[in-house]
């Protein structure tokens, strides 16, 4: 929304879709110029009404609200069918890899979850790609990267030990992790819309940087002014940490680590910068957000 609203000469009008138009975030978007309409992804007619008259839609589902692949697939189906009903000219579907294409369910090096997934929040988005294709909706498939905001809000930043030292613990071995600032995802999506339908049918991965754990720790140290070391946590140890979704996140990191060339190759920093000339690298994002990163 902000990417569109910050470019008044871009030719697009922003319509924000929300379950609650009276929420603080909805009011904020309304205040800065967005049209705000209500819809619920569990109510197909409301989605159709929200899409009515639009040129295109950026379609996103939020697995962590319910942690149910079945619900997420149903939500994606309502988005695809709503887009078809409204006759949208261009849809961007926020998707991810179906990891089962790389790690079959029979592969015992990674546990199978919920009976038929390896990384549920990846696999179901990848599965939903076929839903948009089957609906005949003109779709660009955008794959995001690791959100650097996870270092702020998901507790994945460096942690301070009793001796005062800082350790960045990630189960990534020495594989580069493709990452991006959350706001740049929106700016890249807007960049796809601005290119018109030339990217319909394409898979476009976006990233602001690709770094190993050691490289990230070095950059944390530079901006924090303190020594930070990287600890490559074993996958099984991470899966056993006990927080909600630990097994899934452990599988996700294992996929990132073991298929780094595939994941990184899909997420091209140069292409992302072409879509979004304001793209932040990790140094820039850290400098802007260093005071928000908890070190407890």
C-alpha atoms as a PDB file:
ATOM      1  CA  UNK A   1       0.000   0.000   0.000  1.00  0.00           C
ATOM      2  CA  UNK A   2       2.728   2.453   0.965  1.00  0.00           C
ATOM      3  CA  UNK A   3       4.712   1.759  -2.199  1.00  0.00           C
ATOM      4  CA  UNK A   4       1.681   2.691  -4.302  1.00  0.00           C
ATOM      5  CA  UNK A   5       0.709   5.687  -2.194  1.00  0.00           C
ATOM      6  CA  UNK A   6       4.267   7.048  -2.219  1.00  0.00           C
ATOM      7  CA  UNK A   7       4.220   7.122  -6.022  1.00  0.00           C
ATOM      8  CA  UNK A   8       1.210   9.330  -6.899  1.00  0.00           C
ATOM      9  CA  UNK A   9       2.316   9.534 -10.532  1.00  0.00           C
ATOM     10  CA  UNK A  10       2.513   5.756 -10.877  1.00  0.00           C
ATOM     11  CA  UNK A  11      -0.985   5.311 -12.251  1.00  0.00           C
ATOM     12  CA  UNK A  12      -2.298   2.998  -9.523  1.00  0.00           C
ATOM     13  CA  UNK A  13      -4.824   3.546  -6.738  1.00  0.00           C
ATOM     14  CA  UNK A  14      -4.376   1.605  -3.489  1.00  0.00           C
ATOM     15  CA  UNK A  15      -7.211  -0.492  -2.099  1.00  0.00           C
ATOM     16  CA  UNK A  16      -6.428  -2.188   1.211  1.00  0.00           C
ATOM     17  CA  UNK A  17      -8.401  -5.308   2.130  1.00  0.00           C
ATOM     18  CA  UNK A  18      -8.812  -6.066   5.818  1.00  0.00           C
ATOM     19  CA  UNK A  19     -11.020  -8.110   8.130  1.00  0.00           C
ATOM     20  CA  UNK A  20     -11.553  -5.050  10.341  1.00  0.00           C
ATOM     21  CA  UNK A  21     -11.707  -1.605   8.778  1.00  0.00           C
ATOM     22  CA  UNK A  22     -11.744  -0.043  12.253  1.00  0.00           C
ATOM     23  CA  UNK A  23      -8.417  -1.516  13.331  1.00  0.00           C
ATOM     24  CA  UNK A  24      -5.512   0.821  14.022  1.00  0.00           C
ATOM     25  CA  UNK A  25      -3.617  -0.377  10.950  1.00  0.00           C
ATOM     26  CA  UNK A  26      -6.659   0.022   8.713  1.00  0.00           C
ATOM     27  CA  UNK A  27      -7.269   3.529  10.025  1.00  0.00           C
ATOM     28  CA  UNK A  28      -3.616   4.387   9.421  1.00  0.00           C
ATOM     29  CA  UNK A  29      -3.860   3.239   5.796  1.00  0.00           C
ATOM     30  CA  UNK A  30      -7.072   5.209   5.354  1.00  0.00           C
ATOM     31  CA  UNK A  31      -5.381   8.299   6.782  1.00  0.00           C
ATOM     32  CA  UNK A  32      -2.549   8.119   4.240  1.00  0.00           C
ATOM     33  CA  UNK A  33      -4.901   7.764   1.296  1.00  0.00           C
ATOM     34  CA  UNK A  34      -5.789   4.114   0.762  1.00  0.00           C
ATOM     35  CA  UNK A  35      -9.310   2.953   0.063  1.00  0.00           C
ATOM     36  CA  UNK A  36     -10.081   0.414   2.807  1.00  0.00           C
ATOM     37  CA  UNK A  37     -12.610  -2.389   2.285  1.00  0.00           C
ATOM     38  CA  UNK A  38     -13.537  -5.347   4.460  1.00  0.00           C
ATOM     39  CA  UNK A  39     -13.268  -8.991   3.431  1.00  0.00           C
ATOM     40  CA  UNK A  40     -12.538 -12.327   5.072  1.00  0.00           C
ATOM     41  CA  UNK A  41     -10.691 -15.133   3.328  1.00  0.00           C
ATOM     42  CA  UNK A  42     -13.191 -17.599   4.793  1.00  0.00           C
ATOM     43  CA  UNK A  43     -16.052 -15.736   3.085  1.00  0.00           C
ATOM     44  CA  UNK A  44     -15.802 -16.072  -0.708  1.00  0.00           C
ATOM     45  CA  UNK A  45     -18.457 -13.459  -1.610  1.00  0.00           C
ATOM     46  CA  UNK A  46     -16.657 -10.843   0.502  1.00  0.00           C
ATOM     47  CA  UNK A  47     -13.429 -11.492  -1.420  1.00  0.00           C
ATOM     48  CA  UNK A  48     -15.250 -11.186  -4.734  1.00  0.00           C
ATOM     49  CA  UNK A  49     -16.758  -7.871  -3.650  1.00  0.00           C
ATOM     50  CA  UNK A  50     -13.367  -6.594  -2.460  1.00  0.00           C
ATOM     51  CA  UNK A  51     -11.764  -7.406  -5.833  1.00  0.00           C
ATOM     52  CA  UNK A  52     -14.617  -5.965  -7.893  1.00  0.00           C
ATOM     53  CA  UNK A  53     -13.468  -3.243 -10.282  1.00  0.00           C
ATOM     54  CA  UNK A  54      -9.774  -3.668  -9.492  1.00  0.00           C
ATOM     55  CA  UNK A  55      -6.979  -3.961 -12.048  1.00  0.00           C
ATOM     56  CA  UNK A  56      -4.970  -6.438 -10.002  1.00  0.00           C
ATOM     57  CA  UNK A  57      -4.352  -7.841  -6.540  1.00  0.00           C
ATOM     58  CA  UNK A  58      -1.396  -8.779  -4.382  1.00  0.00           C
ATOM     59  CA  UNK A  59      -2.585 -12.000  -2.718  1.00  0.00           C
ATOM     60  CA  UNK A  60      -1.024 -13.035   0.593  1.00  0.00           C
ATOM     61  CA  UNK A  61      -2.043 -15.648   3.154  1.00  0.00           C
ATOM     62  CA  UNK A  62      -0.819 -15.820   6.755  1.00  0.00           C
ATOM     63  CA  UNK A  63      -0.142 -19.414   7.829  1.00  0.00           C
ATOM     64  CA  UNK A  64       0.870 -18.482  11.375  1.00  0.00           C
ATOM     65  CA  UNK A  65      -2.612 -17.164  12.225  1.00  0.00           C
ATOM     66  CA  UNK A  66      -3.885 -20.747  12.430  1.00  0.00           C
ATOM     67  CA  UNK A  67      -0.934 -23.012  11.445  1.00  0.00           C
ATOM     68  CA  UNK A  68      -3.268 -25.114   9.305  1.00  0.00           C
ATOM     69  CA  UNK A  69      -2.195 -25.998   5.743  1.00  0.00           C
ATOM     70  CA  UNK A  70      -5.765 -26.993   4.909  1.00  0.00           C
ATOM     71  CA  UNK A  71      -7.099 -23.588   5.953  1.00  0.00           C
ATOM     72  CA  UNK A  72      -4.355 -21.799   4.044  1.00  0.00           C
ATOM     73  CA  UNK A  73      -5.080 -23.763   0.872  1.00  0.00           C
ATOM     74  CA  UNK A  74      -8.785 -22.911   1.238  1.00  0.00           C
ATOM     75  CA  UNK A  75      -7.865 -19.232   1.644  1.00  0.00           C
ATOM     76  CA  UNK A  76      -5.660 -19.294  -1.456  1.00  0.00           C
ATOM     77  CA  UNK A  77      -8.465 -20.963  -3.403  1.00  0.00           C
ATOM     78  CA  UNK A  78     -10.900 -18.198  -2.434  1.00  0.00           C
ATOM     79  CA  UNK A  79      -8.349 -15.601  -3.541  1.00  0.00           C
ATOM     80  CA  UNK A  80      -7.825 -17.307  -6.911  1.00  0.00           C
ATOM     81  CA  UNK A  81     -11.549 -17.781  -7.513  1.00  0.00           C
ATOM     82  CA  UNK A  82     -12.281 -14.208  -6.390  1.00  0.00           C
ATOM     83  CA  UNK A  83      -9.676 -12.892  -8.823  1.00  0.00           C
ATOM     84  CA  UNK A  84     -11.220 -14.934 -11.636  1.00  0.00           C
ATOM     85  CA  UNK A  85     -14.736 -13.749 -10.745  1.00  0.00           C
ATOM     86  CA  UNK A  86     -13.586 -10.109 -10.785  1.00  0.00           C
ATOM     87  CA  UNK A  87     -11.704 -10.522 -14.069  1.00  0.00           C
ATOM     88  CA  UNK A  88      -8.442  -9.180 -12.654  1.00  0.00           C
ATOM     89  CA  UNK A  89      -5.781  -8.406 -15.247  1.00  0.00           C
ATOM     90  CA  UNK A  90      -2.778  -9.202 -13.021  1.00  0.00           C
ATOM     91  CA  UNK A  91      -2.421 -11.102  -9.751  1.00  0.00           C
ATOM     92  CA  UNK A  92       0.739 -11.444  -7.689  1.00  0.00           C
ATOM     93  CA  UNK A  93       0.560 -14.591  -5.565  1.00  0.00           C
ATOM     94  CA  UNK A  94       2.972 -14.545  -2.616  1.00  0.00           C
ATOM     95  CA  UNK A  95       4.250 -18.097  -2.764  1.00  0.00           C
ATOM     96  CA  UNK A  96       7.149 -20.336  -1.703  1.00  0.00           C
ATOM     97  CA  UNK A  97       8.727 -23.606  -2.796  1.00  0.00           C
ATOM     98  CA  UNK A  98       6.918 -26.893  -2.295  1.00  0.00           C
ATOM     99  CA  UNK A  99       9.839 -28.507  -0.474  1.00  0.00           C
ATOM    100  CA  UNK A 100       8.478 -32.006  -1.108  1.00  0.00           C
ATOM    101  CA  UNK A 101       9.755 -31.708  -4.674  1.00  0.00           C
ATOM    102  CA  UNK A 102      13.281 -31.600  -3.225  1.00  0.00           C
ATOM    103  CA  UNK A 103      12.754 -33.724  -0.112  1.00  0.00           C
ATOM    104  CA  UNK A 104      10.152 -36.466  -0.721  1.00  0.00           C
ATOM    105  CA  UNK A 105       8.004 -37.567   2.196  1.00  0.00           C
ATOM    106  CA  UNK A 106       9.915 -40.852   2.158  1.00  0.00           C
ATOM    107  CA  UNK A 107      13.202 -39.001   2.849  1.00  0.00           C
ATOM    108  CA  UNK A 108      13.967 -39.669   6.526  1.00  0.00           C
ATOM    109  CA  UNK A 109      16.667 -37.028   6.951  1.00  0.00           C
ATOM    110  CA  UNK A 110      13.870 -34.541   7.703  1.00  0.00           C
ATOM    111  CA  UNK A 111      10.738 -35.487   9.700  1.00  0.00           C
ATOM    112  CA  UNK A 112       7.379 -35.439   7.933  1.00  0.00           C
ATOM    113  CA  UNK A 113       4.906 -33.102   9.640  1.00  0.00           C
ATOM    114  CA  UNK A 114       1.106 -33.298   9.835  1.00  0.00           C
ATOM    115  CA  UNK A 115       1.252 -36.538   7.867  1.00  0.00           C
ATOM    116  CA  UNK A 116       2.040 -35.071   4.440  1.00  0.00           C
ATOM    117  CA  UNK A 117       4.337 -32.046   4.634  1.00  0.00           C
ATOM    118  CA  UNK A 118       7.996 -31.309   5.181  1.00  0.00           C
ATOM    119  CA  UNK A 119       7.689 -27.520   5.639  1.00  0.00           C
ATOM    120  CA  UNK A 120       3.909 -26.931   5.801  1.00  0.00           C
ATOM    121  CA  UNK A 121       3.949 -23.137   5.364  1.00  0.00           C
ATOM    122  CA  UNK A 122       6.158 -23.536   2.288  1.00  0.00           C
ATOM    123  CA  UNK A 123       4.553 -26.640   0.820  1.00  0.00           C
ATOM    124  CA  UNK A 124       0.962 -25.424   0.909  1.00  0.00           C
ATOM    125  CA  UNK A 125       1.841 -22.134  -0.811  1.00  0.00           C
ATOM    126  CA  UNK A 126       3.682 -24.062  -3.511  1.00  0.00           C
ATOM    127  CA  UNK A 127       0.700 -26.400  -3.800  1.00  0.00           C
ATOM    128  CA  UNK A 128      -1.595 -23.391  -4.252  1.00  0.00           C
ATOM    129  CA  UNK A 129       0.342 -22.267  -7.353  1.00  0.00           C
ATOM    130  CA  UNK A 130      -1.673 -24.839  -9.301  1.00  0.00           C
ATOM    131  CA  UNK A 131      -4.915 -23.356  -7.955  1.00  0.00           C
ATOM    132  CA  UNK A 132      -4.161 -19.966  -9.513  1.00  0.00           C
ATOM    133  CA  UNK A 133      -3.054 -21.622 -12.750  1.00  0.00           C
ATOM    134  CA  UNK A 134      -6.182 -23.801 -12.905  1.00  0.00           C
ATOM    135  CA  UNK A 135      -8.392 -20.747 -12.329  1.00  0.00           C
ATOM    136  CA  UNK A 136      -6.892 -19.175 -15.442  1.00  0.00           C
ATOM    137  CA  UNK A 137      -5.894 -16.073 -13.501  1.00  0.00           C
ATOM    138  CA  UNK A 138      -2.990 -14.063 -15.024  1.00  0.00           C
ATOM    139  CA  UNK A 139      -0.537 -14.582 -12.169  1.00  0.00           C
ATOM    140  CA  UNK A 140       3.037 -13.660 -11.281  1.00  0.00           C
ATOM    141  CA  UNK A 141       4.471 -15.912  -8.572  1.00  0.00           C
ATOM    142  CA  UNK A 142       6.600 -13.930  -6.119  1.00  0.00           C
ATOM    143  CA  UNK A 143       8.816 -15.750  -3.610  1.00  0.00           C
ATOM    144  CA  UNK A 144       9.953 -13.778  -0.592  1.00  0.00           C
ATOM    145  CA  UNK A 145      13.060 -14.454   1.508  1.00  0.00           C
ATOM    146  CA  UNK A 146      13.809 -14.644   5.221  1.00  0.00           C
ATOM    147  CA  UNK A 147      12.407 -11.475   6.808  1.00  0.00           C
ATOM    148  CA  UNK A 148      15.130  -9.593   8.649  1.00  0.00           C
ATOM    149  CA  UNK A 149      12.342  -8.388  10.953  1.00  0.00           C
ATOM    150  CA  UNK A 150      12.510 -11.914  12.420  1.00  0.00           C
ATOM    151  CA  UNK A 151      15.575 -10.620  14.272  1.00  0.00           C
ATOM    152  CA  UNK A 152      13.263  -8.100  15.966  1.00  0.00           C
ATOM    153  CA  UNK A 153       9.877  -9.716  16.457  1.00  0.00           C
ATOM    154  CA  UNK A 154      10.595 -13.449  16.292  1.00  0.00           C
ATOM    155  CA  UNK A 155      13.500 -13.505  18.723  1.00  0.00           C
ATOM    156  CA  UNK A 156      16.072 -14.769  16.237  1.00  0.00           C
ATOM    157  CA  UNK A 157      18.689 -12.067  16.696  1.00  0.00           C
ATOM    158  CA  UNK A 158      21.928 -12.339  18.713  1.00  0.00           C
ATOM    159  CA  UNK A 159      21.482 -13.425  22.329  1.00  0.00           C
ATOM    160  CA  UNK A 160      23.576 -12.322  25.280  1.00  0.00           C
ATOM    161  CA  UNK A 161      25.197 -14.978  27.457  1.00  0.00           C
ATOM    162  CA  UNK A 162      25.940 -14.637  31.177  1.00  0.00           C
ATOM    163  CA  UNK A 163      29.460 -13.528  30.345  1.00  0.00           C
ATOM    164  CA  UNK A 164      28.060 -10.689  28.225  1.00  0.00           C
ATOM    165  CA  UNK A 165      29.050 -12.143  24.852  1.00  0.00           C
ATOM    166  CA  UNK A 166      26.608 -12.203  21.942  1.00  0.00           C
ATOM    167  CA  UNK A 167      25.829 -15.271  19.835  1.00  0.00           C
ATOM    168  CA  UNK A 168      23.780 -15.490  16.639  1.00  0.00           C
ATOM    169  CA  UNK A 169      22.350 -19.017  16.610  1.00  0.00           C
ATOM    170  CA  UNK A 170      20.857 -20.299  13.352  1.00  0.00           C
ATOM    171  CA  UNK A 171      20.649 -23.841  11.921  1.00  0.00           C
ATOM    172  CA  UNK A 172      22.158 -22.785   8.585  1.00  0.00           C
ATOM    173  CA  UNK A 173      25.578 -24.479   8.583  1.00  0.00           C
ATOM    174  CA  UNK A 174      27.721 -22.303   6.288  1.00  0.00           C
ATOM    175  CA  UNK A 175      25.045 -21.786   3.636  1.00  0.00           C
ATOM    176  CA  UNK A 176      24.099 -18.276   2.579  1.00  0.00           C
ATOM    177  CA  UNK A 177      20.638 -17.182   3.763  1.00  0.00           C
ATOM    178  CA  UNK A 178      18.644 -14.997   1.360  1.00  0.00           C
ATOM    179  CA  UNK A 179      17.035 -12.187   3.380  1.00  0.00           C
ATOM    180  CA  UNK A 180      14.999  -9.054   2.820  1.00  0.00           C
ATOM    181  CA  UNK A 181      13.442  -6.121   4.663  1.00  0.00           C
ATOM    182  CA  UNK A 182       9.675  -6.577   4.922  1.00  0.00           C
ATOM    183  CA  UNK A 183       8.909  -3.176   3.376  1.00  0.00           C
ATOM    184  CA  UNK A 184      11.014  -4.094   0.345  1.00  0.00           C
ATOM    185  CA  UNK A 185       8.742  -7.050  -0.376  1.00  0.00           C
ATOM    186  CA  UNK A 186       5.892  -4.614  -0.938  1.00  0.00           C
ATOM    187  CA  UNK A 187       8.078  -2.351  -3.055  1.00  0.00           C
ATOM    188  CA  UNK A 188       9.147  -5.313  -5.209  1.00  0.00           C
ATOM    189  CA  UNK A 189       5.513  -6.360  -5.632  1.00  0.00           C
ATOM    190  CA  UNK A 190       4.717  -2.828  -6.795  1.00  0.00           C
ATOM    191  CA  UNK A 191       7.652  -3.075  -9.206  1.00  0.00           C
ATOM    192  CA  UNK A 192       6.106  -6.213 -10.694  1.00  0.00           C
ATOM    193  CA  UNK A 193       2.771  -4.428 -11.177  1.00  0.00           C
ATOM    194  CA  UNK A 194       4.540  -1.502 -12.858  1.00  0.00           C
ATOM    195  CA  UNK A 195       6.021  -3.866 -15.443  1.00  0.00           C
ATOM    196  CA  UNK A 196       2.515  -4.743 -16.548  1.00  0.00           C
ATOM    197  CA  UNK A 197       1.673  -8.274 -17.588  1.00  0.00           C
ATOM    198  CA  UNK A 198       5.146  -9.048 -18.970  1.00  0.00           C
ATOM    199  CA  UNK A 199       5.884 -11.045 -15.802  1.00  0.00           C
ATOM    200  CA  UNK A 200       2.664 -13.066 -15.832  1.00  0.00           C
ATOM    201  CA  UNK A 201       3.508 -16.756 -15.501  1.00  0.00           C
ATOM    202  CA  UNK A 202       6.966 -15.998 -14.120  1.00  0.00           C
ATOM    203  CA  UNK A 203       8.424 -17.009 -10.735  1.00  0.00           C
ATOM    204  CA  UNK A 204      10.262 -14.040  -9.231  1.00  0.00           C
ATOM    205  CA  UNK A 205      12.252 -14.501  -6.038  1.00  0.00           C
ATOM    206  CA  UNK A 206      13.167 -11.333  -4.134  1.00  0.00           C
ATOM    207  CA  UNK A 207      16.057 -10.708  -1.729  1.00  0.00           C
ATOM    208  CA  UNK A 208      18.079  -7.783  -0.451  1.00  0.00           C
ATOM    209  CA  UNK A 209      21.190  -9.770   0.428  1.00  0.00           C
ATOM    210  CA  UNK A 210      22.525 -13.311   0.707  1.00  0.00           C
ATOM    211  CA  UNK A 211      24.849 -13.954   3.648  1.00  0.00           C
ATOM    212  CA  UNK A 212      26.298 -16.792   5.708  1.00  0.00           C
ATOM    213  CA  UNK A 213      25.829 -16.895   9.471  1.00  0.00           C
ATOM    214  CA  UNK A 214      29.422 -15.735   9.969  1.00  0.00           C
ATOM    215  CA  UNK A 215      28.877 -12.800   7.601  1.00  0.00           C
ATOM    216  CA  UNK A 216      25.691 -11.769   9.399  1.00  0.00           C
ATOM    217  CA  UNK A 217      27.407 -12.030  12.788  1.00  0.00           C
ATOM    218  CA  UNK A 218      30.226  -9.814  11.525  1.00  0.00           C
ATOM    219  CA  UNK A 219      27.726  -7.202  10.350  1.00  0.00           C
ATOM    220  CA  UNK A 220      25.827  -7.367  13.657  1.00  0.00           C
ATOM    221  CA  UNK A 221      29.121  -6.812  15.478  1.00  0.00           C
ATOM    222  CA  UNK A 222      29.967  -3.797  13.361  1.00  0.00           C
ATOM    223  CA  UNK A 223      26.652  -2.015  13.912  1.00  0.00           C
ATOM    224  CA  UNK A 224      26.266  -3.007  17.587  1.00  0.00           C
ATOM    225  CA  UNK A 225      29.881  -2.245  18.473  1.00  0.00           C
ATOM    226  CA  UNK A 226      30.216  -5.611  20.225  1.00  0.00           C
ATOM    227  CA  UNK A 227      31.684  -8.991  19.427  1.00  0.00           C
ATOM    228  CA  UNK A 228      29.123 -11.385  17.902  1.00  0.00           C
ATOM    229  CA  UNK A 229      29.867 -14.999  17.024  1.00  0.00           C
ATOM    230  CA  UNK A 230      27.821 -17.354  14.890  1.00  0.00           C
ATOM    231  CA  UNK A 231      26.696 -20.741  16.197  1.00  0.00           C
ATOM    232  CA  UNK A 232      25.489 -23.252  13.596  1.00  0.00           C
ATOM    233  CA  UNK A 233      22.798 -25.051  15.594  1.00  0.00           C
ATOM    234  CA  UNK A 234      22.099 -28.654  14.503  1.00  0.00           C
ATOM    235  CA  UNK A 235      18.723 -29.058  12.833  1.00  0.00           C
ATOM    236  CA  UNK A 236      17.472 -31.648  15.333  1.00  0.00           C
ATOM    237  CA  UNK A 237      18.431 -29.412  18.244  1.00  0.00           C
ATOM    238  CA  UNK A 238      16.465 -26.519  16.775  1.00  0.00           C
ATOM    239  CA  UNK A 239      13.446 -28.754  16.110  1.00  0.00           C
ATOM    240  CA  UNK A 240      13.468 -29.802  19.780  1.00  0.00           C
ATOM    241  CA  UNK A 241      13.395 -26.266  21.245  1.00  0.00           C
ATOM    242  CA  UNK A 242       9.715 -26.581  22.066  1.00  0.00           C
ATOM    243  CA  UNK A 243       8.268 -23.256  20.925  1.00  0.00           C
ATOM    244  CA  UNK A 244       5.164 -23.421  18.659  1.00  0.00           C
ATOM    245  CA  UNK A 245       6.347 -24.265  15.154  1.00  0.00           C
ATOM    246  CA  UNK A 246       9.910 -25.232  16.197  1.00  0.00           C
ATOM    247  CA  UNK A 247       9.780 -28.473  14.206  1.00  0.00           C
ATOM    248  CA  UNK A 248       8.520 -26.649  11.142  1.00  0.00           C
ATOM    249  CA  UNK A 249      11.097 -23.856  11.445  1.00  0.00           C
ATOM    250  CA  UNK A 250      13.846 -26.445  11.905  1.00  0.00           C
ATOM    251  CA  UNK A 251      12.746 -28.150   8.704  1.00  0.00           C
ATOM    252  CA  UNK A 252      12.626 -24.791   6.939  1.00  0.00           C
ATOM    253  CA  UNK A 253      16.213 -23.988   7.894  1.00  0.00           C
ATOM    254  CA  UNK A 254      17.316 -27.469   6.853  1.00  0.00           C
ATOM    255  CA  UNK A 255      15.739 -26.883   3.446  1.00  0.00           C
ATOM    256  CA  UNK A 256      17.483 -23.493   3.218  1.00  0.00           C
ATOM    257  CA  UNK A 257      20.810 -25.047   4.231  1.00  0.00           C
ATOM    258  CA  UNK A 258      20.741 -28.211   2.137  1.00  0.00           C
ATOM    259  CA  UNK A 259      19.281 -26.602  -0.961  1.00  0.00           C
ATOM    260  CA  UNK A 260      20.973 -23.229  -0.670  1.00  0.00           C
ATOM    261  CA  UNK A 261      22.000 -23.059  -4.305  1.00  0.00           C
ATOM    262  CA  UNK A 262      18.422 -23.665  -5.441  1.00  0.00           C
ATOM    263  CA  UNK A 263      16.863 -21.255  -2.921  1.00  0.00           C
ATOM    264  CA  UNK A 264      19.485 -18.558  -3.442  1.00  0.00           C
ATOM    265  CA  UNK A 265      19.434 -18.927  -7.210  1.00  0.00           C
ATOM    266  CA  UNK A 266      15.709 -18.266  -7.278  1.00  0.00           C
ATOM    267  CA  UNK A 267      16.095 -15.055  -5.257  1.00  0.00           C
ATOM    268  CA  UNK A 268      18.171 -12.700  -7.371  1.00  0.00           C
ATOM    269  CA  UNK A 269      19.316  -9.508  -5.626  1.00  0.00           C
ATOM    270  CA  UNK A 270      19.984  -7.725  -8.930  1.00  0.00           C
ATOM    271  CA  UNK A 271      16.496  -8.520 -10.234  1.00  0.00           C
ATOM    272  CA  UNK A 272      15.024  -7.361  -6.910  1.00  0.00           C
ATOM    273  CA  UNK A 273      16.897  -4.061  -7.194  1.00  0.00           C
ATOM    274  CA  UNK A 274      15.601  -3.598 -10.734  1.00  0.00           C
ATOM    275  CA  UNK A 275      12.055  -3.977  -9.391  1.00  0.00           C
ATOM    276  CA  UNK A 276      12.823  -1.794  -6.366  1.00  0.00           C
ATOM    277  CA  UNK A 277      15.692   0.696  -6.788  1.00  0.00           C
ATOM    278  CA  UNK A 278      15.416   1.547  -3.067  1.00  0.00           C
ATOM    279  CA  UNK A 279      16.219  -2.067  -2.081  1.00  0.00           C
ATOM    280  CA  UNK A 280      18.076  -2.276   1.251  1.00  0.00           C
ATOM    281  CA  UNK A 281      21.025  -4.570   1.804  1.00  0.00           C
ATOM    282  CA  UNK A 282      21.606  -6.067   5.259  1.00  0.00           C
ATOM    283  CA  UNK A 283      24.010  -3.298   6.314  1.00  0.00           C
ATOM    284  CA  UNK A 284      21.437  -0.606   5.547  1.00  0.00           C
ATOM    285  CA  UNK A 285      18.620  -2.475   7.267  1.00  0.00           C
ATOM    286  CA  UNK A 286      20.766  -3.099  10.371  1.00  0.00           C
ATOM    287  CA  UNK A 287      21.775   0.525  10.656  1.00  0.00           C
ATOM    288  CA  UNK A 288      18.128   1.610  10.481  1.00  0.00           C
ATOM    289  CA  UNK A 289      16.889  -1.027  12.933  1.00  0.00           C
ATOM    290  CA  UNK A 290      19.767  -1.648  15.346  1.00  0.00           C
ATOM    291  CA  UNK A 291      17.955  -0.023  18.279  1.00  0.00           C
ATOM    292  CA  UNK A 292      14.930  -2.319  17.831  1.00  0.00           C
ATOM    293  CA  UNK A 293      16.782  -5.630  18.012  1.00  0.00           C
ATOM    294  CA  UNK A 294      16.363  -7.279  21.454  1.00  0.00           C
ATOM    295  CA  UNK A 295      19.550  -8.845  22.783  1.00  0.00           C
ATOM    296  CA  UNK A 296      18.084 -10.639  25.800  1.00  0.00           C
END
